[in-house]
Amino acid sequence: QSDYNYSKECKKVYAEFMKNPLAWCVTGKYLKMPPSMAKFLKENNIKWHTKGDDLDFKSNEWRVHVEGLNGMKEQLHAKIKELMIRVEDFMGQYEANLEGSNRSREKGQKALDAALSAGDSQ
């Protein structure tokens, strides 16, 4: 079943759900997970409800999927924050090294100018 056909099916299911959402919650109807989502969850080792061989899940089972995705989101946020701190540290080190090299260059330039002007006066 292609994702395109699945998308059409999802639209029908969603339209039915929107007619009476409470009925879905009360009767415990199943909502099918797209195969591409199941593949994503598996490939990224995200916690998800794996009982049974199908991709039909009740609302409480979908909560497990959402919790897994939220966990991944939090991990990504922490990793991005860590990388931003590393970049800031690197930038600080770069600035300090650049300032040091500029001071050394200026001192070298002054020494060279002094040596040249001393040579000119003789």
C-alpha atoms as a PDB file:
ATOM      1  CA  GLN A   1       0.000   0.000   0.000  1.00  0.00           C
ATOM      2  CA  SER A   2       1.603   3.252  -1.123  1.00  0.00           C
ATOM      3  CA  ASP A   3       1.801   6.326   1.101  1.00  0.00           C
ATOM      4  CA  TYR A   4      -0.384   8.146  -1.455  1.00  0.00           C
ATOM      5  CA  ASN A   5      -3.196   5.604  -1.114  1.00  0.00           C
ATOM      6  CA  TYR A   6      -2.695   5.577   2.610  1.00  0.00           C
ATOM      7  CA  SER A   7      -2.999   9.372   2.643  1.00  0.00           C
ATOM      8  CA  LYS A   8      -6.393   9.112   0.909  1.00  0.00           C
ATOM      9  CA  GLU A   9      -7.455   6.526   3.481  1.00  0.00           C
ATOM     10  CA  CYS A  10      -6.282   8.769   6.333  1.00  0.00           C
ATOM     11  CA  LYS A  11      -8.352  11.644   4.991  1.00  0.00           C
ATOM     12  CA  LYS A  12     -11.452   9.429   5.014  1.00  0.00           C
ATOM     13  CA  VAL A  13     -10.724   8.205   8.544  1.00  0.00           C
ATOM     14  CA  TYR A  14     -10.057  11.760   9.722  1.00  0.00           C
ATOM     15  CA  ALA A  15     -13.323  12.990   8.174  1.00  0.00           C
ATOM     16  CA  GLU A  16     -15.198  10.178   9.941  1.00  0.00           C
ATOM     17  CA  PHE A  17     -13.426  11.001  13.209  1.00  0.00           C
ATOM     18  CA  MET A  18     -14.331  14.693  12.930  1.00  0.00           C
ATOM     19  CA  LYS A  19     -18.025  13.851  12.552  1.00  0.00           C
ATOM     20  CA  ASN A  20     -18.070  12.399  16.067  1.00  0.00           C
ATOM     21  CA  PRO A  21     -14.682  12.336  17.873  1.00  0.00           C
ATOM     22  CA  LEU A  22     -16.199  11.236  21.174  1.00  0.00           C
ATOM     23  CA  ALA A  23     -17.527   8.052  19.598  1.00  0.00           C
ATOM     24  CA  TRP A  24     -13.992   7.084  18.605  1.00  0.00           C
ATOM     25  CA  CYS A  25     -12.729   7.554  22.146  1.00  0.00           C
ATOM     26  CA  VAL A  26     -15.596   5.664  23.730  1.00  0.00           C
ATOM     27  CA  THR A  27     -15.757   2.727  21.317  1.00  0.00           C
ATOM     28  CA  GLY A  28     -11.978   2.315  21.212  1.00  0.00           C
ATOM     29  CA  LYS A  29     -11.737   2.212  17.427  1.00  0.00           C
ATOM     30  CA  TYR A  30      -8.318   1.696  15.954  1.00  0.00           C
ATOM     31  CA  LEU A  31      -6.338   4.236  13.951  1.00  0.00           C
ATOM     32  CA  LYS A  32      -3.834   2.881  11.471  1.00  0.00           C
ATOM     33  CA  MET A  33      -0.224   4.065  11.547  1.00  0.00           C
ATOM     34  CA  PRO A  34       1.382   4.882   8.185  1.00  0.00           C
ATOM     35  CA  PRO A  35       4.083   2.324   7.309  1.00  0.00           C
ATOM     36  CA  SER A  36       6.557   5.188   6.802  1.00  0.00           C
ATOM     37  CA  MET A  37       5.981   6.297  10.418  1.00  0.00           C
ATOM     38  CA  ALA A  38       6.520   2.770  11.724  1.00  0.00           C
ATOM     39  CA  LYS A  39       9.748   2.599   9.715  1.00  0.00           C
ATOM     40  CA  PHE A  40      10.874   5.961  11.150  1.00  0.00           C
ATOM     41  CA  LEU A  41      10.153   4.840  14.719  1.00  0.00           C
ATOM     42  CA  LYS A  42      12.058   1.572  14.213  1.00  0.00           C
ATOM     43  CA  GLU A  43      15.050   3.183  12.476  1.00  0.00           C
ATOM     44  CA  ASN A  44      15.408   5.809  15.202  1.00  0.00           C
ATOM     45  CA  ASN A  45      14.885   3.397  18.123  1.00  0.00           C
ATOM     46  CA  ILE A  46      11.926   5.419  19.347  1.00  0.00           C
ATOM     47  CA  LYS A  47       9.709   3.791  21.959  1.00  0.00           C
ATOM     48  CA  TRP A  48       6.406   2.745  20.451  1.00  0.00           C
ATOM     49  CA  HIS A  49       3.644   0.228  21.059  1.00  0.00           C
ATOM     50  CA  THR A  50       4.709  -2.996  19.351  1.00  0.00           C
ATOM     51  CA  LYS A  51       2.152  -5.563  20.531  1.00  0.00           C
ATOM     52  CA  GLY A  52       0.619  -7.371  17.589  1.00  0.00           C
ATOM     53  CA  ASP A  53       1.772  -7.541  13.995  1.00  0.00           C
ATOM     54  CA  ASP A  54      -0.452  -4.849  12.530  1.00  0.00           C
ATOM     55  CA  LEU A  55      -0.294  -1.060  12.529  1.00  0.00           C
ATOM     56  CA  ASP A  56      -3.757  -0.558  14.061  1.00  0.00           C
ATOM     57  CA  PHE A  57      -3.625   1.222  17.406  1.00  0.00           C
ATOM     58  CA  LYS A  58      -6.089   2.485  20.007  1.00  0.00           C
ATOM     59  CA  SER A  59      -5.765   5.943  21.538  1.00  0.00           C
ATOM     60  CA  ASN A  60      -3.881   4.688  24.617  1.00  0.00           C
ATOM     61  CA  GLU A  61      -1.399   2.965  22.301  1.00  0.00           C
ATOM     62  CA  TRP A  62      -0.957   6.181  20.329  1.00  0.00           C
ATOM     63  CA  ARG A  63      -0.016   7.892  23.611  1.00  0.00           C
ATOM     64  CA  VAL A  64       3.009   5.576  23.783  1.00  0.00           C
ATOM     65  CA  HIS A  65       4.019   6.684  20.281  1.00  0.00           C
ATOM     66  CA  VAL A  66       3.632  10.352  21.176  1.00  0.00           C
ATOM     67  CA  GLU A  67       5.665   9.864  24.363  1.00  0.00           C
ATOM     68  CA  GLY A  68       8.427   8.234  22.312  1.00  0.00           C
ATOM     69  CA  LEU A  69       8.445  11.102  19.824  1.00  0.00           C
ATOM     70  CA  ASN A  70       8.478  13.653  22.654  1.00  0.00           C
ATOM     71  CA  GLY A  71      11.456  11.823  24.170  1.00  0.00           C
ATOM     72  CA  MET A  72      13.273  12.039  20.850  1.00  0.00           C
ATOM     73  CA  LYS A  73      12.428  15.734  20.619  1.00  0.00           C
ATOM     74  CA  GLU A  74      13.870  16.357  24.087  1.00  0.00           C
ATOM     75  CA  GLN A  75      17.043  14.436  23.213  1.00  0.00           C
ATOM     76  CA  LEU A  76      17.462  16.456  20.013  1.00  0.00           C
ATOM     77  CA  HIS A  77      16.891  19.692  21.919  1.00  0.00           C
ATOM     78  CA  ALA A  78      19.566  18.742  24.478  1.00  0.00           C
ATOM     79  CA  LYS A  79      22.015  17.740  21.714  1.00  0.00           C
ATOM     80  CA  ILE A  80      21.439  21.001  19.830  1.00  0.00           C
ATOM     81  CA  LYS A  81      21.948  22.974  23.039  1.00  0.00           C
ATOM     82  CA  GLU A  82      25.200  21.095  23.715  1.00  0.00           C
ATOM     83  CA  LEU A  83      26.442  21.734  20.166  1.00  0.00           C
ATOM     84  CA  MET A  84      25.570  25.437  20.409  1.00  0.00           C
ATOM     85  CA  ILE A  85      27.607  25.684  23.626  1.00  0.00           C
ATOM     86  CA  ARG A  86      30.538  24.004  21.859  1.00  0.00           C
ATOM     87  CA  VAL A  87      30.280  26.436  18.951  1.00  0.00           C
ATOM     88  CA  GLU A  88      30.189  29.398  21.351  1.00  0.00           C
ATOM     89  CA  ASP A  89      33.264  28.026  23.139  1.00  0.00           C
ATOM     90  CA  PHE A  90      35.066  27.524  19.828  1.00  0.00           C
ATOM     91  CA  MET A  91      34.188  31.056  18.754  1.00  0.00           C
ATOM     92  CA  GLY A  92      35.533  32.414  22.052  1.00  0.00           C
ATOM     93  CA  GLN A  93      38.798  30.507  21.599  1.00  0.00           C
ATOM     94  CA  TYR A  94      39.049  31.718  18.007  1.00  0.00           C
ATOM     95  CA  GLU A  95      38.517  35.348  19.083  1.00  0.00           C
ATOM     96  CA  ALA A  96      41.166  35.026  21.813  1.00  0.00           C
ATOM     97  CA  ASN A  97      43.674  33.482  19.401  1.00  0.00           C
ATOM     98  CA  LEU A  98      42.928  36.130  16.782  1.00  0.00           C
ATOM     99  CA  GLU A  99      43.482  38.927  19.309  1.00  0.00           C
ATOM    100  CA  GLY A 100      46.745  37.325  20.438  1.00  0.00           C
ATOM    101  CA  SER A 101      48.013  36.947  16.899  1.00  0.00           C
ATOM    102  CA  ASN A 102      47.068  40.553  16.093  1.00  0.00           C
ATOM    103  CA  ARG A 103      49.017  41.787  19.148  1.00  0.00           C
ATOM    104  CA  SER A 104      52.030  39.695  18.124  1.00  0.00           C
ATOM    105  CA  ARG A 105      51.828  41.009  14.572  1.00  0.00           C
ATOM    106  CA  GLU A 106      51.635  44.596  15.816  1.00  0.00           C
ATOM    107  CA  LYS A 107      54.670  44.079  18.092  1.00  0.00           C
ATOM    108  CA  GLY A 108      56.565  42.508  15.208  1.00  0.00           C
ATOM    109  CA  GLN A 109      55.618  45.376  12.927  1.00  0.00           C
ATOM    110  CA  LYS A 110      56.822  47.945  15.532  1.00  0.00           C
ATOM    111  CA  ALA A 111      60.122  46.076  15.988  1.00  0.00           C
ATOM    112  CA  LEU A 112      60.608  45.898  12.229  1.00  0.00           C
ATOM    113  CA  ASP A 113      59.789  49.612  11.825  1.00  0.00           C
ATOM    114  CA  ALA A 114      62.205  50.468  14.648  1.00  0.00           C
ATOM    115  CA  ALA A 115      64.964  48.364  13.059  1.00  0.00           C
ATOM    116  CA  LEU A 116      64.373  49.944   9.644  1.00  0.00           C
ATOM    117  CA  SER A 117      64.367  53.500  11.047  1.00  0.00           C
ATOM    118  CA  ALA A 118      67.566  52.765  13.031  1.00  0.00           C
ATOM    119  CA  GLY A 119      69.175  51.495   9.847  1.00  0.00           C
ATOM    120  CA  ASP A 120      68.108  54.605   7.942  1.00  0.00           C
ATOM    121  CA  SER A 121      69.683  56.964  10.503  1.00  0.00           C
ATOM    122  CA  GLN A 122      73.131  55.439  10.105  1.00  0.00           C
END
